[in-house]
């Protein structure tokens, strides 16, 4: 599980909740969480700010992935 997903769930947010705050689709949030789509640097910064985690964990989730 990626840090983004773990943190989102720990904060009690759904993908739809996060997407609404970020101004993107729930599908895109899902894709970024699963690693099937990369977040732009701008989106990574926004996600990091909302979730309170380092941008690196969004941009390079494979380095921090916890199965």
N, C-alpha and C. Protein backbone atom coordinates (compact mmCIF):
# COMPACT_ATOMS: atom_id res chain seq x y z
N UNK A 1 0.86 -1.18 0.00
CA UNK A 1 0.00 0.00 0.00
C UNK A 1 0.90 1.24 0.00
N UNK A 2 0.54 2.20 -0.81
CA UNK A 2 1.35 3.41 -0.91
C UNK A 2 1.12 4.34 0.29
N UNK A 3 2.10 5.20 0.58
CA UNK A 3 1.91 6.16 1.67
C UNK A 3 0.69 7.05 1.45
N UNK A 4 0.44 7.39 0.20
CA UNK A 4 -0.71 8.23 -0.11
C UNK A 4 -2.00 7.55 0.33
N UNK A 5 -2.15 6.29 -0.03
CA UNK A 5 -3.37 5.57 0.33
C UNK A 5 -3.47 5.35 1.83
N UNK A 6 -2.37 4.93 2.46
CA UNK A 6 -2.39 4.70 3.90
C UNK A 6 -2.78 5.97 4.65
N UNK A 7 -2.21 7.11 4.25
CA UNK A 7 -2.49 8.37 4.93
C UNK A 7 -3.91 8.83 4.66
N UNK A 8 -4.36 8.69 3.42
CA UNK A 8 -5.74 9.08 3.09
C UNK A 8 -6.72 8.30 3.94
N UNK A 9 -6.53 6.99 4.01
CA UNK A 9 -7.44 6.14 4.79
C UNK A 9 -7.36 6.47 6.28
N UNK A 10 -6.15 6.71 6.77
CA UNK A 10 -5.97 7.05 8.18
C UNK A 10 -6.68 8.35 8.55
N UNK A 11 -6.79 9.24 7.60
CA UNK A 11 -7.46 10.52 7.84
C UNK A 11 -8.97 10.42 7.60
N UNK A 12 -9.44 9.23 7.23
CA UNK A 12 -10.87 9.02 7.04
C UNK A 12 -11.42 9.63 5.77
N UNK A 13 -10.56 9.82 4.78
CA UNK A 13 -10.98 10.40 3.51
C UNK A 13 -11.20 9.31 2.46
N UNK A 14 -12.21 9.47 1.65
CA UNK A 14 -12.39 8.59 0.50
C UNK A 14 -11.62 9.19 -0.67
N UNK A 15 -11.46 8.40 -1.71
CA UNK A 15 -10.82 8.93 -2.92
C UNK A 15 -11.65 10.09 -3.48
N UNK A 16 -12.96 9.97 -3.39
CA UNK A 16 -13.84 11.05 -3.88
C UNK A 16 -13.65 12.32 -3.05
N UNK A 17 -13.50 12.18 -1.73
CA UNK A 17 -13.26 13.34 -0.87
C UNK A 17 -11.98 14.05 -1.29
N UNK A 18 -10.92 13.27 -1.46
CA UNK A 18 -9.63 13.85 -1.83
C UNK A 18 -9.70 14.49 -3.21
N UNK A 19 -10.35 13.82 -4.13
CA UNK A 19 -10.49 14.37 -5.49
C UNK A 19 -11.22 15.71 -5.47
N UNK A 20 -12.24 15.82 -4.65
CA UNK A 20 -13.00 17.07 -4.57
C UNK A 20 -12.11 18.20 -4.05
N UNK A 21 -11.33 17.92 -3.04
CA UNK A 21 -10.42 18.94 -2.49
C UNK A 21 -9.37 19.35 -3.53
N UNK A 22 -8.89 18.37 -4.29
CA UNK A 22 -7.83 18.62 -5.26
C UNK A 22 -8.34 19.17 -6.58
N UNK A 23 -9.62 19.00 -6.84
CA UNK A 23 -10.19 19.48 -8.11
C UNK A 23 -9.86 18.56 -9.28
N UNK A 24 -9.77 17.27 -8.99
CA UNK A 24 -9.54 16.30 -10.05
C UNK A 24 -10.56 15.17 -9.90
N UNK A 25 -10.49 14.17 -10.76
CA UNK A 25 -11.46 13.08 -10.69
C UNK A 25 -11.03 12.03 -9.67
N UNK A 26 -12.01 11.30 -9.18
CA UNK A 26 -11.75 10.20 -8.27
C UNK A 26 -10.91 9.15 -8.99
N UNK A 27 -11.17 8.94 -10.27
CA UNK A 27 -10.42 7.97 -11.05
C UNK A 27 -8.94 8.32 -11.10
N UNK A 28 -8.64 9.61 -11.22
CA UNK A 28 -7.23 10.03 -11.26
C UNK A 28 -6.56 9.81 -9.91
N UNK A 29 -7.27 10.10 -8.83
CA UNK A 29 -6.73 9.84 -7.49
C UNK A 29 -6.43 8.35 -7.36
N UNK A 30 -7.35 7.51 -7.81
CA UNK A 30 -7.15 6.07 -7.76
C UNK A 30 -5.93 5.64 -8.57
N UNK A 31 -5.80 6.18 -9.76
CA UNK A 31 -4.66 5.84 -10.62
C UNK A 31 -3.33 6.25 -9.98
N UNK A 32 -3.30 7.42 -9.40
CA UNK A 32 -2.06 7.89 -8.74
C UNK A 32 -1.75 7.00 -7.54
N UNK A 33 -2.76 6.66 -6.76
CA UNK A 33 -2.56 5.77 -5.60
C UNK A 33 -2.01 4.41 -6.01
N UNK A 34 -2.52 3.87 -7.10
CA UNK A 34 -2.11 2.53 -7.56
C UNK A 34 -0.80 2.56 -8.34
N UNK A 35 -0.37 3.75 -8.72
CA UNK A 35 0.86 3.86 -9.49
C UNK A 35 0.69 3.63 -10.97
N UNK A 36 -0.55 3.63 -11.45
CA UNK A 36 -0.79 3.46 -12.88
C UNK A 36 -0.78 4.79 -13.61
N UNK A 37 -0.74 5.87 -12.87
CA UNK A 37 -0.59 7.22 -13.43
C UNK A 37 0.30 8.01 -12.48
N UNK A 38 1.11 8.84 -13.07
CA UNK A 38 2.00 9.68 -12.26
C UNK A 38 1.31 11.02 -11.97
N UNK A 39 1.53 11.52 -10.80
CA UNK A 39 1.03 12.85 -10.45
C UNK A 39 1.99 13.88 -11.03
N UNK A 40 1.44 14.96 -11.52
CA UNK A 40 2.30 16.06 -11.95
C UNK A 40 2.96 16.64 -10.70
N UNK A 41 4.06 17.35 -10.87
CA UNK A 41 4.68 17.98 -9.68
C UNK A 41 3.70 18.88 -8.93
N UNK A 42 2.86 19.59 -9.65
CA UNK A 42 1.89 20.48 -9.01
C UNK A 42 0.87 19.67 -8.20
N UNK A 43 0.34 18.61 -8.81
CA UNK A 43 -0.64 17.78 -8.10
C UNK A 43 0.01 17.08 -6.91
N UNK A 44 1.23 16.61 -7.08
CA UNK A 44 1.94 15.96 -5.97
C UNK A 44 2.09 16.92 -4.79
N UNK A 45 2.40 18.17 -5.09
CA UNK A 45 2.54 19.17 -4.03
C UNK A 45 1.21 19.40 -3.32
N UNK A 46 0.13 19.43 -4.08
CA UNK A 46 -1.19 19.64 -3.50
C UNK A 46 -1.61 18.44 -2.63
N UNK A 47 -1.37 17.24 -3.14
CA UNK A 47 -1.70 16.04 -2.37
C UNK A 47 -0.89 16.01 -1.08
N UNK A 48 0.40 16.28 -1.19
CA UNK A 48 1.27 16.28 -0.02
C UNK A 48 0.80 17.28 1.02
N UNK A 49 0.38 18.45 0.57
CA UNK A 49 -0.11 19.48 1.49
C UNK A 49 -1.38 19.02 2.20
N UNK A 50 -2.31 18.47 1.44
CA UNK A 50 -3.59 18.03 2.02
C UNK A 50 -3.38 16.88 3.00
N UNK A 51 -2.53 15.92 2.62
CA UNK A 51 -2.34 14.73 3.45
C UNK A 51 -1.25 14.88 4.51
N UNK A 52 -0.40 15.90 4.36
CA UNK A 52 0.67 16.13 5.33
C UNK A 52 1.80 15.12 5.22
N UNK A 53 2.12 14.73 3.99
CA UNK A 53 3.24 13.81 3.76
C UNK A 53 4.20 14.45 2.76
N UNK A 54 5.44 13.99 2.69
CA UNK A 54 6.40 14.56 1.75
C UNK A 54 6.01 14.29 0.29
N UNK A 55 6.29 15.25 -0.58
CA UNK A 55 5.99 15.10 -2.00
C UNK A 55 6.66 13.87 -2.59
N UNK A 56 7.84 13.53 -2.10
CA UNK A 56 8.57 12.38 -2.63
C UNK A 56 7.75 11.10 -2.51
N UNK A 57 6.92 11.02 -1.48
CA UNK A 57 6.10 9.82 -1.31
C UNK A 57 4.99 9.74 -2.35
N UNK A 58 4.65 10.86 -2.95
CA UNK A 58 3.66 10.88 -4.02
C UNK A 58 4.36 10.64 -5.37
N UNK A 59 5.47 11.31 -5.57
CA UNK A 59 6.17 11.23 -6.85
C UNK A 59 6.89 9.90 -7.05
N UNK A 60 7.37 9.30 -5.97
CA UNK A 60 8.13 8.04 -6.05
C UNK A 60 7.56 7.00 -5.09
N UNK A 61 6.31 6.61 -5.27
CA UNK A 61 5.66 5.72 -4.30
C UNK A 61 6.34 4.36 -4.19
N UNK A 62 6.99 3.90 -5.25
CA UNK A 62 7.64 2.59 -5.21
C UNK A 62 8.77 2.55 -4.17
N UNK A 63 9.34 3.68 -3.85
CA UNK A 63 10.40 3.73 -2.83
C UNK A 63 9.86 3.58 -1.42
N UNK A 64 8.58 3.86 -1.25
CA UNK A 64 7.99 3.87 0.09
C UNK A 64 6.86 2.87 0.25
N UNK A 65 6.61 2.07 -0.78
CA UNK A 65 5.46 1.16 -0.79
C UNK A 65 5.57 0.12 0.33
N UNK A 66 4.47 -0.06 1.02
CA UNK A 66 4.37 -1.03 2.09
C UNK A 66 3.30 -2.03 1.69
N UNK A 67 3.73 -3.23 1.39
CA UNK A 67 2.77 -4.26 0.96
C UNK A 67 1.93 -4.60 2.13
